[in-house]
Amino acid sequence: MVDEEQRDRGEVLIVTGMSGAGRTTAANALEDLDWYVVDNLPPQMLKPLLELTGRAGGALPRVAVVVDVRGRDLFAHLPEVTRALRDARQQLRVMFLDASDDVLVRRFEAVRRPHPLQDDGTILDGIRRERERLAVVRESADVIIDTSAFNIHQLATAVVDLFAEEDSARHTVTIMSFGFKYGLPPDADLVADMRFLPNPFWSEDLRPLTGEDDAVREYVLAQPGALEFADAYAAALLPVLAGYQRENKRHSVVAVGCTGGKHRSVVMARELAARLEGTPGVAVRVKHRDLGRE
């Protein structure tokens, strides 16, 4: 049970492990989850950093610190620093990323960079030296992830599974209305075309209104195929959004277009958003790109 004093100090995660095992990918995934991430911090700086973030008044409730052998001799102090922080009742976890020697060798060869402890030896010599230095840290780690069989997307997903806040959205989808005459949204992942429906623009009563007005909404949804499209397209998006979560794709844009982006696309964007609200792990936003254009 975490008391109020511990909670006020915030949560701290130390990210460490073997070079080439995916620390950068893990740090990026944590940053996407709104953790405050500090890379390559000497262990002795952990306590001063946490004191500074503690003065932020809860503005930085979750801090992740990447600590590794790039710190050379300073890295040897990590075990004693983590013990001191735990003794001070700091909410602290250590995540250790590992991979098999042969996988690490292949990764270093792929990027054509030497191992930080390689010196005049081989990549494997550097890996073995690093394992010796990290043995004590690995034994005391709270979370160990073997990334040997992971690609970067799978590792990011594993980190999200472990550290995302309960009930937090793993994917944000923006339903964006737009007008084809102004061009396709360059950031669209999927595009739907509403020009198969009659255009309210040709009604003198509806022309000055927009898809946010009830009269236009009722007109558009009364057209043959409108409601069927909304139901079917929303249903088709559900496995896509579930797949995006599995692949750790954090954001997507579903663009819904009509001629000017003022009537049909606005109505349908709102309808799709309403049908997707409540999708597990998904936050839904609505944006009307061209609604204010003449």
C-alpha atoms as a PDB file:
ATOM      1  CA  MET A   1       0.000   0.000   0.000  1.00  0.00           C
ATOM      2  CA  VAL A   2       1.415   3.376  -1.035  1.00  0.00           C
ATOM      3  CA  ASP A   3       0.898   6.123   1.560  1.00  0.00           C
ATOM      4  CA  GLU A   4       0.376   9.821   0.794  1.00  0.00           C
ATOM      5  CA  GLU A   5       4.010  10.739   1.424  1.00  0.00           C
ATOM      6  CA  GLN A   6       5.206   8.160  -1.105  1.00  0.00           C
ATOM      7  CA  ARG A   7       2.599   9.181  -3.643  1.00  0.00           C
ATOM      8  CA  ASP A   8       3.630  12.848  -3.380  1.00  0.00           C
ATOM      9  CA  ARG A   9       7.195  11.886  -4.235  1.00  0.00           C
ATOM     10  CA  GLY A  10       6.064  10.394  -7.521  1.00  0.00           C
ATOM     11  CA  GLU A  11       7.023   7.190  -9.245  1.00  0.00           C
ATOM     12  CA  VAL A  12      10.547   6.548 -10.492  1.00  0.00           C
ATOM     13  CA  LEU A  13      11.596   3.955 -13.048  1.00  0.00           C
ATOM     14  CA  ILE A  14      15.233   3.202 -13.770  1.00  0.00           C
ATOM     15  CA  VAL A  15      15.701   1.832 -17.278  1.00  0.00           C
ATOM     16  CA  THR A  16      18.908  -0.117 -17.681  1.00  0.00           C
ATOM     17  CA  GLY A  17      20.255  -3.280 -19.248  1.00  0.00           C
ATOM     18  CA  MET A  18      22.466  -4.528 -22.013  1.00  0.00           C
ATOM     19  CA  SER A  19      23.596  -2.195 -24.768  1.00  0.00           C
ATOM     20  CA  GLY A  20      21.595  -3.047 -27.887  1.00  0.00           C
ATOM     21  CA  ALA A  21      18.711  -4.561 -25.929  1.00  0.00           C
ATOM     22  CA  GLY A  22      16.322  -1.697 -26.664  1.00  0.00           C
ATOM     23  CA  ARG A  23      16.723   0.989 -24.026  1.00  0.00           C
ATOM     24  CA  THR A  24      16.030   3.804 -26.506  1.00  0.00           C
ATOM     25  CA  THR A  25      12.858   2.122 -27.762  1.00  0.00           C
ATOM     26  CA  ALA A  26      11.679   1.588 -24.183  1.00  0.00           C
ATOM     27  CA  ALA A  27      12.436   5.207 -23.280  1.00  0.00           C
ATOM     28  CA  ASN A  28      10.492   6.465 -26.309  1.00  0.00           C
ATOM     29  CA  ALA A  29       7.501   4.305 -25.358  1.00  0.00           C
ATOM     30  CA  LEU A  30       7.564   5.692 -21.816  1.00  0.00           C
ATOM     31  CA  GLU A  31       7.764   9.242 -23.178  1.00  0.00           C
ATOM     32  CA  ASP A  32       4.653   8.524 -25.255  1.00  0.00           C
ATOM     33  CA  LEU A  33       2.956   7.532 -21.980  1.00  0.00           C
ATOM     34  CA  ASP A  34       3.825  11.000 -20.580  1.00  0.00           C
ATOM     35  CA  TRP A  35       6.704   9.870 -18.390  1.00  0.00           C
ATOM     36  CA  TYR A  36       9.438  12.464 -17.930  1.00  0.00           C
ATOM     37  CA  VAL A  37      12.464  10.673 -19.412  1.00  0.00           C
ATOM     38  CA  VAL A  38      16.112  11.513 -18.692  1.00  0.00           C
ATOM     39  CA  ASP A  39      18.737   9.689 -20.736  1.00  0.00           C
ATOM     40  CA  ASN A  40      22.278   8.661 -19.704  1.00  0.00           C
ATOM     41  CA  LEU A  41      22.138  10.098 -16.195  1.00  0.00           C
ATOM     42  CA  PRO A  42      25.026   9.254 -13.828  1.00  0.00           C
ATOM     43  CA  PRO A  43      23.580   7.315 -10.861  1.00  0.00           C
ATOM     44  CA  GLN A  44      24.891   9.918  -8.398  1.00  0.00           C
ATOM     45  CA  MET A  45      22.594  12.472 -10.048  1.00  0.00           C
ATOM     46  CA  LEU A  46      19.459  10.450  -9.365  1.00  0.00           C
ATOM     47  CA  LYS A  47      18.810  11.844  -5.916  1.00  0.00           C
ATOM     48  CA  PRO A  48      19.306  15.528  -6.887  1.00  0.00           C
ATOM     49  CA  LEU A  49      17.080  14.996  -9.937  1.00  0.00           C
ATOM     50  CA  LEU A  50      14.296  13.520  -7.834  1.00  0.00           C
ATOM     51  CA  GLU A  51      14.590  16.352  -5.338  1.00  0.00           C
ATOM     52  CA  LEU A  52      14.147  18.845  -8.198  1.00  0.00           C
ATOM     53  CA  THR A  53      11.148  17.029  -9.656  1.00  0.00           C
ATOM     54  CA  GLY A  54       9.649  16.777  -6.182  1.00  0.00           C
ATOM     55  CA  ARG A  55       9.596  20.567  -6.045  1.00  0.00           C
ATOM     56  CA  ALA A  56       7.451  20.610  -9.186  1.00  0.00           C
ATOM     57  CA  GLY A  57       4.376  20.114  -7.010  1.00  0.00           C
ATOM     58  CA  GLY A  58       3.135  16.956  -8.702  1.00  0.00           C
ATOM     59  CA  ALA A  59       3.743  18.264 -12.230  1.00  0.00           C
ATOM     60  CA  LEU A  60       6.145  15.349 -12.857  1.00  0.00           C
ATOM     61  CA  PRO A  61       4.507  12.365 -11.165  1.00  0.00           C
ATOM     62  CA  ARG A  62       6.371   9.747 -13.215  1.00  0.00           C
ATOM     63  CA  VAL A  63      10.070   9.964 -13.981  1.00  0.00           C
ATOM     64  CA  ALA A  64      12.056   7.428 -16.021  1.00  0.00           C
ATOM     65  CA  VAL A  65      15.840   7.538 -15.950  1.00  0.00           C
ATOM     66  CA  VAL A  66      18.016   5.671 -18.452  1.00  0.00           C
ATOM     67  CA  VAL A  67      21.216   4.541 -16.736  1.00  0.00           C
ATOM     68  CA  ASP A  68      23.803   2.384 -18.484  1.00  0.00           C
ATOM     69  CA  VAL A  69      27.482   1.633 -18.955  1.00  0.00           C
ATOM     70  CA  ARG A  70      28.016   4.805 -20.945  1.00  0.00           C
ATOM     71  CA  GLY A  71      28.567   6.263 -17.477  1.00  0.00           C
ATOM     72  CA  ARG A  72      31.683   4.050 -17.218  1.00  0.00           C
ATOM     73  CA  ASP A  73      32.977   3.942 -13.625  1.00  0.00           C
ATOM     74  CA  LEU A  74      30.000   5.960 -12.367  1.00  0.00           C
ATOM     75  CA  PHE A  75      27.705   3.067 -13.278  1.00  0.00           C
ATOM     76  CA  ALA A  76      29.190   0.963 -10.470  1.00  0.00           C
ATOM     77  CA  HIS A  77      27.339   3.164  -7.957  1.00  0.00           C
ATOM     78  CA  LEU A  78      23.869   2.271  -9.296  1.00  0.00           C
ATOM     79  CA  PRO A  79      23.105  -0.561  -6.794  1.00  0.00           C
ATOM     80  CA  GLU A  80      23.925   1.564  -3.753  1.00  0.00           C
ATOM     81  CA  VAL A  81      21.945   4.523  -5.132  1.00  0.00           C
ATOM     82  CA  THR A  82      18.837   2.406  -5.753  1.00  0.00           C
ATOM     83  CA  ARG A  83      19.095   0.925  -2.240  1.00  0.00           C
ATOM     84  CA  ALA A  84      19.300   4.417  -0.747  1.00  0.00           C
ATOM     85  CA  LEU A  85      16.257   5.574  -2.684  1.00  0.00           C
ATOM     86  CA  ARG A  86      14.238   2.564  -1.591  1.00  0.00           C
ATOM     87  CA  ASP A  87      15.295   3.119   2.010  1.00  0.00           C
ATOM     88  CA  ALA A  88      13.987   6.672   1.636  1.00  0.00           C
ATOM     89  CA  ARG A  89      10.614   5.146   0.696  1.00  0.00           C
ATOM     90  CA  GLN A  90      10.793   6.366  -2.879  1.00  0.00           C
ATOM     91  CA  GLN A  91       8.445   4.589  -5.290  1.00  0.00           C
ATOM     92  CA  LEU A  92      11.183   3.020  -7.328  1.00  0.00           C
ATOM     93  CA  ARG A  93      11.311   0.233  -9.891  1.00  0.00           C
ATOM     94  CA  VAL A  94      14.186  -1.014 -12.013  1.00  0.00           C
ATOM     95  CA  MET A  95      13.534  -2.356 -15.518  1.00  0.00           C
ATOM     96  CA  PHE A  96      16.341  -4.404 -17.016  1.00  0.00           C
ATOM     97  CA  LEU A  97      16.425  -5.048 -20.766  1.00  0.00           C
ATOM     98  CA  ASP A  98      18.329  -8.094 -21.927  1.00  0.00           C
ATOM     99  CA  ALA A  99      18.930 -10.141 -25.068  1.00  0.00           C
ATOM    100  CA  SER A 100      21.004 -13.143 -26.045  1.00  0.00           C
ATOM    101  CA  ASP A 101      24.646 -12.622 -27.035  1.00  0.00           C
ATOM    102  CA  ASP A 102      24.122 -13.647 -30.650  1.00  0.00           C
ATOM    103  CA  VAL A 103      21.190 -11.257 -31.061  1.00  0.00           C
ATOM    104  CA  LEU A 104      23.192  -8.382 -29.551  1.00  0.00           C
ATOM    105  CA  VAL A 105      26.121  -9.119 -31.869  1.00  0.00           C
ATOM    106  CA  ARG A 106      23.800  -9.020 -34.910  1.00  0.00           C
ATOM    107  CA  ARG A 107      22.289  -5.733 -33.786  1.00  0.00           C
ATOM    108  CA  PHE A 108      25.674  -4.070 -33.350  1.00  0.00           C
ATOM    109  CA  GLU A 109      26.826  -5.399 -36.706  1.00  0.00           C
ATOM    110  CA  ALA A 110      23.655  -4.082 -38.364  1.00  0.00           C
ATOM    111  CA  VAL A 111      24.268  -0.516 -37.161  1.00  0.00           C
ATOM    112  CA  ARG A 112      28.055  -0.801 -37.656  1.00  0.00           C
ATOM    113  CA  ARG A 113      28.895   0.635 -34.267  1.00  0.00           C
ATOM    114  CA  PRO A 114      31.292  -0.728 -31.655  1.00  0.00           C
ATOM    115  CA  HIS A 115      30.132  -1.944 -28.269  1.00  0.00           C
ATOM    116  CA  PRO A 116      30.827   0.737 -25.606  1.00  0.00           C
ATOM    117  CA  LEU A 117      33.053  -1.704 -23.679  1.00  0.00           C
ATOM    118  CA  GLN A 118      34.646  -3.311 -26.719  1.00  0.00           C
ATOM    119  CA  ASP A 119      37.931  -1.375 -26.572  1.00  0.00           C
ATOM    120  CA  ASP A 120      40.454  -3.227 -28.758  1.00  0.00           C
ATOM    121  CA  GLY A 121      38.547  -6.520 -28.606  1.00  0.00           C
ATOM    122  CA  THR A 122      35.505  -7.864 -30.414  1.00  0.00           C
ATOM    123  CA  ILE A 123      31.826  -7.001 -29.979  1.00  0.00           C
ATOM    124  CA  LEU A 124      31.409 -10.236 -28.023  1.00  0.00           C
ATOM    125  CA  ASP A 125      34.243  -9.216 -25.680  1.00  0.00           C
ATOM    126  CA  GLY A 126      32.370  -6.001 -24.928  1.00  0.00           C
ATOM    127  CA  ILE A 127      29.119  -7.864 -24.314  1.00  0.00           C
ATOM    128  CA  ARG A 128      30.790 -10.234 -21.857  1.00  0.00           C
ATOM    129  CA  ARG A 129      32.385  -7.350 -19.924  1.00  0.00           C
ATOM    130  CA  GLU A 130      29.021  -5.622 -19.759  1.00  0.00           C
ATOM    131  CA  ARG A 131      27.282  -8.740 -18.452  1.00  0.00           C
ATOM    132  CA  GLU A 132      29.804  -8.947 -15.624  1.00  0.00           C
ATOM    133  CA  ARG A 133      29.216  -5.318 -14.646  1.00  0.00           C
ATOM    134  CA  LEU A 134      25.430  -5.662 -14.826  1.00  0.00           C
ATOM    135  CA  ALA A 135      25.068  -8.967 -12.973  1.00  0.00           C
ATOM    136  CA  VAL A 136      24.226  -7.375  -9.612  1.00  0.00           C
ATOM    137  CA  VAL A 137      21.821  -4.874 -11.194  1.00  0.00           C
ATOM    138  CA  ARG A 138      20.007  -7.619 -13.090  1.00  0.00           C
ATOM    139  CA  GLU A 139      19.559  -9.697  -9.942  1.00  0.00           C
ATOM    140  CA  SER A 140      17.847  -6.830  -8.124  1.00  0.00           C
ATOM    141  CA  ALA A 141      15.678  -5.657 -11.049  1.00  0.00           C
ATOM    142  CA  ASP A 142      11.912  -5.510 -10.573  1.00  0.00           C
ATOM    143  CA  VAL A 143      11.167  -6.129 -14.268  1.00  0.00           C
ATOM    144  CA  ILE A 144      13.320  -8.069 -16.741  1.00  0.00           C
ATOM    145  CA  ILE A 145      12.409  -8.038 -20.427  1.00  0.00           C
ATOM    146  CA  ASP A 146      14.219 -10.335 -22.838  1.00  0.00           C
ATOM    147  CA  THR A 147      14.041  -8.574 -26.198  1.00  0.00           C
ATOM    148  CA  SER A 148      15.768 -11.294 -28.236  1.00  0.00           C
ATOM    149  CA  ALA A 149      12.621 -12.128 -30.209  1.00  0.00           C
ATOM    150  CA  PHE A 150      11.173  -8.601 -30.253  1.00  0.00           C
ATOM    151  CA  ASN A 151      11.147  -6.008 -32.996  1.00  0.00           C
ATOM    152  CA  ILE A 152      10.929  -2.377 -31.917  1.00  0.00           C
ATOM    153  CA  HIS A 153       7.128  -2.338 -32.129  1.00  0.00           C
ATOM    154  CA  GLN A 154       6.747  -5.451 -29.991  1.00  0.00           C
ATOM    155  CA  LEU A 155       9.100  -4.076 -27.360  1.00  0.00           C
ATOM    156  CA  ALA A 156       7.234  -0.772 -27.251  1.00  0.00           C
ATOM    157  CA  THR A 157       3.972  -2.683 -26.832  1.00  0.00           C
ATOM    158  CA  ALA A 158       5.437  -4.703 -23.954  1.00  0.00           C
ATOM    159  CA  VAL A 159       6.516  -1.494 -22.204  1.00  0.00           C
ATOM    160  CA  VAL A 160       3.083   0.063 -22.704  1.00  0.00           C
ATOM    161  CA  ASP A 161       1.426  -3.063 -21.286  1.00  0.00           C
ATOM    162  CA  LEU A 162       3.579  -2.805 -18.168  1.00  0.00           C
ATOM    163  CA  PHE A 163       3.545   0.914 -17.485  1.00  0.00           C
ATOM    164  CA  ALA A 164       0.418   2.483 -18.988  1.00  0.00           C
ATOM    165  CA  GLU A 165      -1.910   3.843 -16.351  1.00  0.00           C
ATOM    166  CA  GLU A 166      -4.999   1.760 -15.757  1.00  0.00           C
ATOM    167  CA  ASP A 167      -7.849   2.700 -18.113  1.00  0.00           C
ATOM    168  CA  SER A 168      -5.566   5.051 -20.076  1.00  0.00           C
ATOM    169  CA  ALA A 169      -5.983   5.175 -23.835  1.00  0.00           C
ATOM    170  CA  ARG A 170      -3.386   3.243 -25.811  1.00  0.00           C
ATOM    171  CA  HIS A 171      -4.434   4.812 -29.102  1.00  0.00           C
ATOM    172  CA  THR A 172      -5.935   8.155 -30.094  1.00  0.00           C
ATOM    173  CA  VAL A 173      -7.944   8.323 -33.303  1.00  0.00           C
ATOM    174  CA  THR A 174      -8.864  11.673 -34.823  1.00  0.00           C
ATOM    175  CA  ILE A 175     -11.948  11.667 -37.052  1.00  0.00           C
ATOM    176  CA  MET A 176     -11.295  14.594 -39.399  1.00  0.00           C
ATOM    177  CA  SER A 177     -13.802  16.088 -41.806  1.00  0.00           C
ATOM    178  CA  PHE A 178     -12.356  17.847 -44.845  1.00  0.00           C
ATOM    179  CA  GLY A 179     -13.178  19.158 -48.307  1.00  0.00           C
ATOM    180  CA  PHE A 180     -11.708  17.405 -51.341  1.00  0.00           C
ATOM    181  CA  LYS A 181     -11.459  20.708 -53.173  1.00  0.00           C
ATOM    182  CA  TYR A 182      -8.876  21.822 -50.588  1.00  0.00           C
ATOM    183  CA  GLY A 183      -6.807  18.662 -50.914  1.00  0.00           C
ATOM    184  CA  LEU A 184      -6.404  15.447 -48.952  1.00  0.00           C
ATOM    185  CA  PRO A 185      -5.130  15.764 -45.347  1.00  0.00           C
ATOM    186  CA  PRO A 186      -1.442  14.820 -45.586  1.00  0.00           C
ATOM    187  CA  ASP A 187      -1.527  12.984 -42.244  1.00  0.00           C
ATOM    188  CA  ALA A 188      -4.568  10.819 -43.053  1.00  0.00           C
ATOM    189  CA  ASP A 189      -4.196   7.086 -42.423  1.00  0.00           C
ATOM    190  CA  LEU A 190      -7.618   6.217 -43.878  1.00  0.00           C
ATOM    191  CA  VAL A 191      -9.908   8.235 -46.162  1.00  0.00           C
ATOM    192  CA  ALA A 192     -13.666   7.921 -46.631  1.00  0.00           C
ATOM    193  CA  ASP A 193     -15.571   9.742 -49.394  1.00  0.00           C
ATOM    194  CA  MET A 194     -19.053  11.109 -48.584  1.00  0.00           C
ATOM    195  CA  ARG A 195     -19.728  12.400 -52.106  1.00  0.00           C
ATOM    196  CA  PHE A 196     -21.980   9.392 -52.722  1.00  0.00           C
ATOM    197  CA  LEU A 197     -24.638  11.276 -50.708  1.00  0.00           C
ATOM    198  CA  PRO A 198     -26.715  14.189 -52.057  1.00  0.00           C
ATOM    199  CA  ASN A 199     -25.088  17.534 -51.294  1.00  0.00           C
ATOM    200  CA  PRO A 200     -27.046  19.848 -48.923  1.00  0.00           C
ATOM    201  CA  PHE A 201     -25.273  22.744 -50.636  1.00  0.00           C
ATOM    202  CA  TRP A 202     -27.902  22.631 -53.379  1.00  0.00           C
ATOM    203  CA  SER A 203     -30.678  23.324 -50.882  1.00  0.00           C
ATOM    204  CA  GLU A 204     -31.116  27.080 -50.366  1.00  0.00           C
ATOM    205  CA  ASP A 205     -32.280  26.497 -46.780  1.00  0.00           C
ATOM    206  CA  LEU A 206     -29.329  24.243 -45.863  1.00  0.00           C
ATOM    207  CA  ARG A 207     -26.546  25.961 -47.817  1.00  0.00           C
ATOM    208  CA  PRO A 208     -25.683  28.578 -45.150  1.00  0.00           C
ATOM    209  CA  LEU A 209     -25.744  25.941 -42.388  1.00  0.00           C
ATOM    210  CA  THR A 210     -23.112  23.325 -41.517  1.00  0.00           C
ATOM    211  CA  GLY A 211     -23.057  19.695 -40.535  1.00  0.00           C
ATOM    212  CA  GLU A 212     -23.167  20.772 -36.910  1.00  0.00           C
ATOM    213  CA  ASP A 213     -26.721  22.045 -37.385  1.00  0.00           C
ATOM    214  CA  ASP A 214     -29.562  19.609 -36.697  1.00  0.00           C
ATOM    215  CA  ALA A 215     -31.313  20.362 -39.972  1.00  0.00           C
ATOM    216  CA  VAL A 216     -28.265  19.356 -42.022  1.00  0.00           C
ATOM    217  CA  ARG A 217     -27.631  16.277 -39.872  1.00  0.00           C
ATOM    218  CA  GLU A 218     -31.206  15.089 -40.309  1.00  0.00           C
ATOM    219  CA  TYR A 219     -31.058  15.683 -44.055  1.00  0.00           C
ATOM    220  CA  VAL A 220     -27.772  13.799 -44.532  1.00  0.00           C
ATOM    221  CA  LEU A 221     -28.691  10.829 -42.352  1.00  0.00           C
ATOM    222  CA  ALA A 222     -32.071  10.484 -44.059  1.00  0.00           C
ATOM    223  CA  GLN A 223     -30.373   9.756 -47.395  1.00  0.00           C
ATOM    224  CA  PRO A 224     -30.257   6.133 -48.629  1.00  0.00           C
ATOM    225  CA  GLY A 225     -27.078   4.427 -47.472  1.00  0.00           C
ATOM    226  CA  ALA A 226     -25.999   7.084 -44.935  1.00  0.00           C
ATOM    227  CA  LEU A 227     -26.777   5.224 -41.718  1.00  0.00           C
ATOM    228  CA  GLU A 228     -25.732   1.916 -43.281  1.00  0.00           C
ATOM    229  CA  PHE A 229     -22.360   3.426 -44.144  1.00  0.00           C
ATOM    230  CA  ALA A 230     -21.868   4.874 -40.649  1.00  0.00           C
ATOM    231  CA  ASP A 231     -22.644   1.541 -38.983  1.00  0.00           C
ATOM    232  CA  ALA A 232     -20.562  -0.554 -41.378  1.00  0.00           C
ATOM    233  CA  TYR A 233     -17.542   1.762 -41.480  1.00  0.00           C
ATOM    234  CA  ALA A 234     -17.426   2.105 -37.703  1.00  0.00           C
ATOM    235  CA  ALA A 235     -17.583  -1.688 -37.406  1.00  0.00           C
ATOM    236  CA  ALA A 236     -14.790  -2.027 -39.989  1.00  0.00           C
ATOM    237  CA  LEU A 237     -12.611   0.378 -37.995  1.00  0.00           C
ATOM    238  CA  LEU A 238     -12.777  -1.679 -34.795  1.00  0.00           C
ATOM    239  CA  PRO A 239     -10.298  -4.401 -35.883  1.00  0.00           C
ATOM    240  CA  VAL A 240      -8.060  -1.681 -37.376  1.00  0.00           C
ATOM    241  CA  LEU A 241      -7.935   0.206 -34.076  1.00  0.00           C
ATOM    242  CA  ALA A 242      -7.311  -3.028 -32.188  1.00  0.00           C
ATOM    243  CA  GLY A 243      -4.439  -3.802 -34.562  1.00  0.00           C
ATOM    244  CA  TYR A 244      -2.984  -0.327 -34.125  1.00  0.00           C
ATOM    245  CA  GLN A 245      -2.880  -0.965 -30.381  1.00  0.00           C
ATOM    246  CA  ARG A 246      -1.126  -4.302 -30.850  1.00  0.00           C
ATOM    247  CA  GLU A 247       1.446  -2.619 -33.101  1.00  0.00           C
ATOM    248  CA  ASN A 248       1.817   0.241 -30.599  1.00  0.00           C
ATOM    249  CA  LYS A 249       0.710   2.853 -33.149  1.00  0.00           C
ATOM    250  CA  ARG A 250      -0.283   5.645 -30.797  1.00  0.00           C
ATOM    251  CA  HIS A 251      -2.156   7.981 -33.166  1.00  0.00           C
ATOM    252  CA  SER A 252      -4.185   7.721 -36.354  1.00  0.00           C
ATOM    253  CA  VAL A 253      -6.319  10.007 -38.502  1.00  0.00           C
ATOM    254  CA  VAL A 254      -9.483   8.847 -40.235  1.00  0.00           C
ATOM    255  CA  ALA A 255     -10.322  11.497 -42.813  1.00  0.00           C
ATOM    256  CA  VAL A 256     -13.937  11.871 -43.955  1.00  0.00           C
ATOM    257  CA  GLY A 257     -14.356  14.047 -47.017  1.00  0.00           C
ATOM    258  CA  CYS A 258     -17.016  15.744 -49.075  1.00  0.00           C
ATOM    259  CA  THR A 259     -16.747  18.496 -51.688  1.00  0.00           C
ATOM    260  CA  GLY A 260     -16.264  21.507 -49.421  1.00  0.00           C
ATOM    261  CA  GLY A 261     -15.885  19.932 -45.982  1.00  0.00           C
ATOM    262  CA  LYS A 262     -18.880  21.794 -44.612  1.00  0.00           C
ATOM    263  CA  HIS A 263     -21.934  19.521 -44.621  1.00  0.00           C
ATOM    264  CA  ARG A 264     -21.785  15.763 -45.320  1.00  0.00           C
ATOM    265  CA  SER A 265     -18.297  15.094 -44.020  1.00  0.00           C
ATOM    266  CA  VAL A 266     -18.982  17.017 -40.806  1.00  0.00           C
ATOM    267  CA  VAL A 267     -22.126  15.016 -40.122  1.00  0.00           C
ATOM    268  CA  MET A 268     -20.443  11.692 -40.834  1.00  0.00           C
ATOM    269  CA  ALA A 269     -17.354  12.515 -38.782  1.00  0.00           C
ATOM    270  CA  ARG A 270     -19.571  13.152 -35.785  1.00  0.00           C
ATOM    271  CA  GLU A 271     -21.560   9.965 -36.397  1.00  0.00           C
ATOM    272  CA  LEU A 272     -18.439   7.813 -36.656  1.00  0.00           C
ATOM    273  CA  ALA A 273     -16.973   9.359 -33.521  1.00  0.00           C
ATOM    274  CA  ALA A 274     -20.173   8.642 -31.607  1.00  0.00           C
ATOM    275  CA  ARG A 275     -20.076   4.992 -32.681  1.00  0.00           C
ATOM    276  CA  LEU A 276     -16.408   4.604 -31.739  1.00  0.00           C
ATOM    277  CA  GLU A 277     -16.701   6.228 -28.317  1.00  0.00           C
ATOM    278  CA  GLY A 278     -16.127   3.640 -25.623  1.00  0.00           C
ATOM    279  CA  THR A 279     -13.878   1.437 -27.757  1.00  0.00           C
ATOM    280  CA  PRO A 280     -11.481  -0.201 -25.258  1.00  0.00           C
ATOM    281  CA  GLY A 281      -8.088   1.486 -25.163  1.00  0.00           C
ATOM    282  CA  VAL A 282      -9.076   4.166 -27.696  1.00  0.00           C
ATOM    283  CA  ALA A 283      -9.578   7.902 -27.233  1.00  0.00           C
ATOM    284  CA  VAL A 284     -11.675   9.506 -29.981  1.00  0.00           C
ATOM    285  CA  ARG A 285     -11.337  13.110 -31.140  1.00  0.00           C
ATOM    286  CA  VAL A 286     -13.206  15.045 -33.810  1.00  0.00           C
ATOM    287  CA  LYS A 287     -11.655  17.753 -35.965  1.00  0.00           C
ATOM    288  CA  HIS A 288     -13.267  19.739 -38.792  1.00  0.00           C
ATOM    289  CA  ARG A 289     -10.404  20.932 -40.966  1.00  0.00           C
ATOM    290  CA  ASP A 290     -12.294  23.051 -43.514  1.00  0.00           C
ATOM    291  CA  LEU A 291     -15.443  24.042 -41.658  1.00  0.00           C
ATOM    292  CA  GLY A 292     -14.461  27.699 -41.390  1.00  0.00           C
ATOM    293  CA  ARG A 293     -13.528  28.152 -45.048  1.00  0.00           C
ATOM    294  CA  GLU A 294     -15.743  30.114 -47.418  1.00  0.00           C
END
